[in-house]
Amino acid sequence: MRDAPFYIGMNKNLFNAEVRPLLTEMTIGDTGIAFDRLELEAWVDDLKSRSSKPGTRKLEKTSWDAKKHLGSLKGASSGTSTKSSKVDAFAKALAQVTKKKPKASSRT
């Protein structure tokens, strides 16, 4: 019950007034209430078919290459790639975590 309004994107009060009366309620235990997810989605589909409008935004016709993108302001430079060093560091950390730890000896 607490997740159903959020699942379809509305507040609890509007859900209880507009949607809940149209759904099959299932009791869970003494106080729990559940709804069928497929019924919720069917309600949303019905709402869309009755009230949706065609999109008003026009898609840009420009391609990715035609757009100007900011790259490095300094231009090309030399340096060391950090990708392999990150992979090496991860592998080392993973090996430390997964290796068998010695059993703790009991102190007497």
Protein backbone atom coordinates (compact mmCIF):
# COMPACT_ATOMS: atom_id res chain seq x y z
CA MET A 1 0.00 0.00 0.00
CA ARG A 2 2.74 2.49 0.85
CA ASP A 3 4.60 1.91 -2.45
CA ALA A 4 1.66 1.86 -4.87
CA PRO A 5 1.20 5.66 -5.20
CA PHE A 6 4.94 6.16 -5.68
CA TYR A 7 5.04 3.34 -8.26
CA ILE A 8 2.64 5.20 -10.53
CA GLY A 9 3.99 8.65 -9.70
CA MET A 10 1.32 10.30 -7.59
CA ASN A 11 0.77 11.30 -4.00
CA LYS A 12 -1.10 9.11 -1.52
CA ASN A 13 -4.20 11.30 -1.26
CA LEU A 14 -4.76 11.45 -5.02
CA PHE A 15 -4.09 7.72 -5.29
CA ASN A 16 -6.67 6.94 -2.57
CA ALA A 17 -9.28 9.18 -4.23
CA GLU A 18 -8.76 8.34 -7.91
CA VAL A 19 -7.05 4.97 -8.30
CA ARG A 20 -7.55 2.83 -5.23
CA PRO A 21 -11.34 2.42 -5.68
CA LEU A 22 -10.70 0.85 -9.10
CA LEU A 23 -8.16 -1.74 -7.91
CA THR A 24 -8.49 -5.14 -6.29
CA GLU A 25 -7.15 -4.99 -2.73
CA MET A 26 -5.43 -8.03 -1.25
CA THR A 27 -4.94 -8.31 2.48
CA ILE A 28 -1.59 -9.38 3.86
CA GLY A 29 -1.67 -10.46 7.48
CA ASP A 30 -3.79 -8.38 9.83
CA THR A 31 -3.04 -4.90 8.54
CA GLY A 32 -1.19 -5.16 5.22
CA ILE A 33 -2.79 -4.20 1.91
CA ALA A 34 -1.37 -5.01 -1.51
CA PHE A 35 -2.34 -4.27 -5.10
CA ASP A 36 -1.61 -6.18 -8.27
CA ARG A 37 1.24 -4.48 -10.15
CA LEU A 38 -0.35 -5.40 -13.49
CA GLU A 39 -3.59 -3.66 -12.47
CA LEU A 40 -1.61 -0.54 -11.56
CA GLU A 41 0.16 -0.59 -14.92
CA ALA A 42 -3.16 -1.17 -16.74
CA TRP A 43 -4.59 1.89 -14.97
CA VAL A 44 -1.60 3.98 -16.10
CA ASP A 45 -1.93 2.68 -19.69
CA ASP A 46 -5.63 3.59 -19.68
CA LEU A 47 -4.84 7.08 -18.39
CA LYS A 48 -2.22 7.54 -21.08
CA SER A 49 -4.59 6.46 -23.84
CA ARG A 50 -7.26 8.89 -22.63
CA SER A 51 -5.17 11.95 -21.90
CA SER A 52 -1.79 11.80 -23.56
CA LYS A 53 -0.83 14.39 -26.10
CA PRO A 54 1.66 13.97 -28.91
CA GLY A 55 5.14 15.21 -28.07
CA THR A 56 5.66 18.90 -28.52
CA ARG A 57 9.45 18.87 -28.52
CA LYS A 58 11.18 18.52 -31.85
CA LEU A 59 14.25 16.37 -32.08
CA GLU A 60 17.40 18.01 -33.30
CA LYS A 61 18.47 16.97 -36.76
CA THR A 62 22.15 17.55 -36.07
CA SER A 63 24.50 14.65 -35.72
CA TRP A 64 26.95 14.12 -32.90
CA ASP A 65 29.89 15.15 -35.06
CA ALA A 66 28.23 18.38 -36.13
CA LYS A 67 27.97 19.68 -32.58
CA LYS A 68 30.81 21.57 -31.02
CA HIS A 69 32.14 19.95 -27.88
CA LEU A 70 34.57 21.32 -25.37
CA GLY A 71 37.62 19.18 -25.04
CA SER A 72 40.84 19.98 -23.35
CA LEU A 73 41.56 23.66 -23.59
CA LYS A 74 45.30 22.92 -23.60
CA GLY A 75 45.17 20.65 -26.62
CA ALA A 76 47.08 17.38 -26.81
CA SER A 77 49.51 16.63 -24.05
CA SER A 78 51.68 13.77 -22.98
CA GLY A 79 51.37 11.84 -19.77
CA THR A 80 50.85 8.48 -18.20
CA SER A 81 47.61 6.58 -18.56
CA THR A 82 46.07 5.82 -15.21
CA LYS A 83 43.79 3.07 -16.50
CA SER A 84 46.29 0.24 -16.14
CA SER A 85 47.48 1.46 -12.76
CA LYS A 86 43.88 1.52 -11.52
CA VAL A 87 43.36 -2.02 -12.80
CA ASP A 88 46.56 -3.17 -11.09
CA ALA A 89 45.55 -1.49 -7.82
CA PHE A 90 42.12 -3.11 -7.97
CA ALA A 91 43.60 -6.55 -8.66
CA LYS A 92 45.98 -6.15 -5.71
CA ALA A 93 43.16 -5.06 -3.38
CA LEU A 94 40.97 -7.92 -4.57
CA ALA A 95 43.75 -10.44 -3.92
CA GLN A 96 44.18 -9.11 -0.37
CA VAL A 97 40.47 -9.35 0.37
CA THR A 98 39.98 -12.81 -1.08
CA LYS A 99 43.06 -14.56 0.29
CA LYS A 100 42.46 -16.83 3.26
CA LYS A 101 42.97 -15.20 6.59
CA PRO A 102 44.79 -17.11 9.31
CA LYS A 103 42.62 -18.32 12.15
CA ALA A 104 42.89 -16.24 15.26
CA SER A 105 44.63 -18.10 18.04
CA SER A 106 42.91 -18.15 21.35
CA ARG A 107 44.70 -16.44 24.18
CA THR A 108 44.94 -18.30 27.47
